[in-house]
Protein backbone atom coordinates (compact mmCIF):
# COMPACT_ATOMS: atom_id res chain seq x y z
CA MET A 1 130.09 114.75 81.45
CA MET A 2 129.11 111.29 82.67
CA LYS A 3 130.29 110.26 86.13
CA PHE A 4 130.46 106.86 87.80
CA GLU A 5 130.24 105.79 91.44
CA LYS A 6 130.96 102.27 92.66
CA MET A 7 128.73 101.52 95.64
CA GLU A 8 129.54 99.42 98.70
CA ASN A 9 126.89 96.83 97.83
CA GLY A 10 128.60 96.14 94.49
CA SER A 11 126.19 98.19 92.40
CA LEU A 12 127.23 100.92 89.98
CA ARG A 13 125.71 104.38 89.79
CA CYS A 14 126.03 106.40 86.58
CA PHE A 15 125.23 110.11 86.31
CA LEU A 16 124.35 111.26 82.78
CA THR A 17 123.47 114.58 81.21
CA GLN A 18 121.52 115.31 78.06
CA ASP A 19 124.84 116.17 76.39
CA ASP A 20 126.13 112.68 77.21
CA LEU A 21 123.15 111.15 75.45
CA GLU A 22 123.53 113.42 72.42
CA GLN A 23 127.25 112.76 72.11
CA ASN A 24 126.51 109.04 72.00
CA GLY A 25 123.67 109.41 69.52
CA ILE A 26 121.09 108.31 72.12
CA GLU A 27 117.66 109.73 72.86
CA LEU A 28 115.22 108.73 75.59
CA ASP A 29 112.99 107.39 72.83
CA ASP A 30 115.66 104.74 72.12
CA PHE A 31 114.93 103.19 75.50
CA PHE A 32 111.21 103.23 74.81
CA ALA A 33 111.64 101.65 71.38
CA ASN A 34 114.06 98.98 72.63
CA THR A 35 116.61 99.91 69.96
CA PRO A 36 120.03 98.31 69.40
CA ASN A 37 121.51 101.75 70.17
CA ALA A 38 120.06 101.61 73.69
CA ARG A 39 121.49 98.14 74.37
CA GLU A 40 124.91 99.09 72.97
CA PHE A 41 124.96 102.29 75.03
CA LEU A 42 124.25 100.43 78.29
CA GLU A 43 127.06 97.97 77.50
CA LYS A 44 129.38 100.89 76.75
CA LEU A 45 128.66 102.44 80.15
CA ILE A 46 129.75 99.22 81.87
CA ARG A 47 133.01 99.15 79.90
CA ILE A 48 133.79 102.78 80.75
CA ALA A 49 133.05 102.16 84.43
CA GLU A 50 135.52 99.26 84.45
CA ASP A 51 138.29 101.67 83.39
CA GLU A 52 137.30 104.71 85.44
CA VAL A 53 136.27 103.28 88.82
CA GLY A 54 137.41 99.67 88.64
CA TYR A 55 133.92 98.22 88.40
CA LYS A 56 134.05 94.49 87.69
CA ALA A 57 131.15 92.98 85.78
CA THR A 58 130.69 89.29 86.58
CA GLY A 59 129.00 88.42 83.31
CA ASN A 60 125.57 88.06 84.90
CA MET A 61 122.68 90.09 83.54
CA MET A 62 122.25 93.55 85.02
CA SER A 63 119.06 95.17 86.29
CA ILE A 64 118.79 98.93 86.05
CA GLN A 65 116.94 101.54 88.07
CA ALA A 66 116.56 104.97 86.48
CA ALA A 67 115.65 108.34 87.93
CA ILE A 68 115.30 111.72 86.22
CA MET A 69 116.71 114.27 88.64
CA SER A 70 116.20 117.26 86.33
CA GLU A 71 115.70 117.77 82.61
CA ASP A 72 119.50 117.65 82.28
CA GLU A 73 120.42 114.81 84.65
CA ILE A 74 119.56 111.13 84.58
CA VAL A 75 120.88 108.64 87.13
CA LEU A 76 121.15 104.93 86.32
CA THR A 77 121.91 102.33 88.99
CA PHE A 78 123.23 98.97 87.72
CA SER A 79 122.90 95.85 89.89
CA GLU A 80 123.41 92.17 89.17
CA SER A 81 120.24 90.40 88.15
CA HIS A 82 119.00 87.33 86.36
CA VAL A 83 116.54 89.19 84.13
CA SER A 84 116.84 89.47 80.36
CA SER A 85 117.99 92.56 78.47
CA ALA A 86 114.46 93.01 77.15
CA GLU A 87 113.15 93.14 80.73
CA ILE A 88 115.83 95.70 81.61
CA LEU A 89 114.70 98.04 78.84
CA GLU A 90 111.07 97.50 79.77
CA HIS A 91 111.97 98.48 83.33
CA ILE A 92 113.59 101.70 82.10
CA ARG A 93 110.50 102.56 80.08
CA ASN A 94 108.32 102.06 83.15
CA MET A 95 110.57 104.30 85.23
CA PHE A 96 109.75 107.27 83.05
CA GLY A 97 106.01 106.80 83.51
CA ALA A 98 103.18 105.46 81.43
CA SER A 99 102.49 108.88 79.95
CA GLY A 100 105.78 108.86 78.03
CA ALA A 101 109.19 110.43 78.29
CA ARG A 102 108.29 113.66 76.51
CA GLU A 103 105.56 114.56 79.01
CA GLN A 104 107.86 113.75 81.93
CA ALA A 105 110.61 115.93 80.45
CA ALA A 106 108.13 118.78 79.99
CA GLU A 107 107.20 118.61 83.67
CA LEU A 108 110.86 118.78 84.64
CA VAL A 109 111.42 121.83 82.44
CA ASP A 110 108.56 123.56 84.24
CA VAL A 111 110.20 122.81 87.59
CA LYS A 112 113.51 124.33 86.52
CA GLU A 113 111.80 127.44 85.18
CA GLU A 114 110.10 127.92 88.55
CA VAL A 115 113.44 127.66 90.34
CA LEU A 116 115.04 130.15 87.96
CA ARG A 117 112.20 132.63 88.48
CA GLU A 118 112.61 132.36 92.23
CA ALA A 119 116.32 133.10 91.78
CA GLY A 120 115.45 136.37 90.10
CA GLY A 121 115.94 135.16 86.57
CA GLN A 122 119.54 134.15 87.20
CA LYS A 123 120.99 130.67 86.83
CA ALA A 124 120.50 128.75 90.08
CA SER A 125 123.59 127.87 92.10
CA GLU A 126 124.42 124.24 92.91
CA GLU A 127 123.16 124.72 96.48
CA GLU A 128 119.89 126.23 95.27
CA HIS A 129 119.49 123.46 92.73
CA GLU A 130 119.97 120.74 95.34
CA ALA A 131 117.54 122.40 97.73
CA ALA A 132 114.85 122.84 95.07
CA GLY A 133 113.55 119.27 95.20
CA TYR A 134 110.07 118.33 94.04
CA THR A 135 106.66 117.49 95.43
CA TYR A 136 105.64 113.94 94.54
CA LEU A 137 102.45 111.91 94.74
CA LEU A 138 102.92 108.15 95.03
CA THR A 139 100.24 105.50 94.60
CA PHE A 140 100.41 102.21 96.54
CA VAL A 141 98.23 99.12 96.21
CA SER A 142 98.63 98.12 99.87
CA PHE A 143 99.49 99.58 103.25
CA SER A 144 102.27 97.02 103.56
CA ASN A 145 104.02 98.48 100.52
CA VAL A 146 103.72 101.99 101.94
CA ARG A 147 105.31 100.87 105.19
CA LYS A 148 108.14 99.01 103.42
CA PHE A 149 108.83 102.06 101.28
CA CYS A 150 109.11 104.34 104.30
CA ARG A 151 111.35 101.90 106.15
CA VAL A 152 114.01 101.76 103.41
CA LEU A 153 114.34 105.55 103.18
CA PRO A 154 116.91 107.46 105.22
CA LEU A 155 115.38 109.74 107.83
CA SER A 156 114.78 113.31 106.69
CA LYS A 157 113.32 116.00 108.91
CA ALA A 158 113.17 118.30 105.87
CA ALA A 159 110.57 116.17 104.06
CA LYS A 160 106.88 116.94 104.62
CA SER A 161 104.46 114.11 103.94
CA ARG A 162 100.85 112.99 104.26
CA LEU A 163 99.16 109.63 103.66
CA TYR A 164 95.67 109.23 102.17
CA TYR A 165 93.39 106.26 101.56
CA LEU A 166 90.82 106.39 98.76
CA ASP A 167 88.19 103.73 99.37
CA GLN A 168 86.70 103.82 95.87
CA LYS A 169 90.05 102.76 94.41
CA LYS A 170 91.25 100.75 97.41
CA GLN A 171 94.62 102.50 97.13
CA TYR A 172 96.93 104.55 99.32
CA PHE A 173 98.42 107.86 98.22
CA LEU A 174 101.53 109.39 99.74
CA ARG A 175 102.17 113.08 99.11
CA ALA A 176 105.73 114.19 99.84
CA ASP A 177 107.01 117.75 99.71
CA LEU A 178 110.78 117.48 99.15
CA LYS A 179 111.47 121.13 98.40
CA ARG A 180 113.80 121.38 101.40
CA SER A 181 115.37 117.97 100.92
CA SER A 182 118.82 117.37 99.48
CA LYS A 183 119.36 116.13 95.96
CA LYS A 184 120.67 112.84 97.35
CA TYR A 185 117.49 112.30 99.38
CA VAL A 186 115.31 113.04 96.34
CA TYR A 187 117.25 110.42 94.40
CA GLU A 188 116.84 107.81 97.17
CA PHE A 189 113.12 108.64 97.37
CA VAL A 190 112.54 108.22 93.63
CA THR A 191 114.65 105.06 93.45
CA ALA A 192 112.77 103.39 96.33
CA SER A 193 109.44 104.33 94.76
CA MET A 194 110.33 102.24 91.71
CA GLU A 195 110.30 99.11 93.83
CA TYR A 196 107.38 99.71 96.18
CA ALA A 197 104.99 102.21 94.56
CA LYS A 198 102.53 101.48 91.77
CA SER A 199 103.27 104.89 90.27
CA ILE A 200 105.04 108.14 91.02
CA GLU A 201 104.15 111.51 89.56
CA LYS A 202 104.84 115.16 90.08
CA ASP A 203 102.16 116.50 92.39
CA SER A 204 99.15 118.03 90.70
CA MET A 205 95.51 118.90 91.33
CA ARG A 206 94.99 115.30 92.46
CA SER A 207 96.08 116.33 95.96
CA ASP A 208 93.17 118.73 96.15
CA PHE A 209 90.85 115.89 95.18
CA LEU A 210 92.37 113.64 97.84
CA GLU A 211 92.03 116.34 100.49
CA GLU A 212 88.32 116.49 99.78
CA HIS A 213 87.41 112.88 99.05
CA ALA A 214 90.04 110.61 100.61
CA GLN A 215 90.56 109.58 104.21
CA ILE A 216 93.68 111.12 105.76
CA ILE A 217 95.52 108.26 107.46
CA VAL A 218 98.59 110.21 108.63
CA LYS A 219 98.24 113.99 108.52
CA ASN A 220 101.83 115.04 109.20
CA LYS A 221 105.26 113.37 108.97
CA ALA A 222 103.88 110.25 107.33
CA LEU A 223 107.34 109.15 106.16
CA GLU A 224 108.77 109.29 109.69
CA THR A 225 105.70 107.82 111.37
CA LEU A 226 105.39 104.82 109.04
CA ALA A 227 109.14 104.12 109.16
CA LYS A 228 108.77 103.44 112.90
CA LEU A 229 105.90 100.95 112.55
């Protein structure tokens, strides 16, 4: 069931499940195809939030940040903006990665299956689910963007991170192991990456390549170290 949270900065956070999308006749592909259904659904969410949490839309255009927390949970954050509705939908498409929503969903299914196996084949508890987290690899076009990204994140001693620089691409790569981090921290991490990182992906064999070919700028606690610069 969809849930809404009105934030102190005036933004609105909406928590959706796959069932919520199905009940409203919406699929992730609708966002990618810029369908009327997608636009109507986003407007419907605003109207429901007005009734449930007293959210007051000013009439200005809204920007949206989206994060897939699991294959069954999507979080949308609405903020006032002066962008067009077409730009909003384009932003949502970008949030799910250039490889497409289906591939991203497949990765998330794999993550859940791993968690279930570790739990002995039983359904994971809420605490286990929140602690599961993910390991991400972020790409940045400049060191300045890496530093800004780290500065906006809340401090987390549970996160393990390392920063690389690959000279042949002139890019920085931040690997973050969030397996011990809370679900809230994972959300903040993914949301901030949308603004400062060129791309974000579930960690893969690329880390092995970076270990061998890239320069290690910060070996341990990169997130904490760069936040203090």
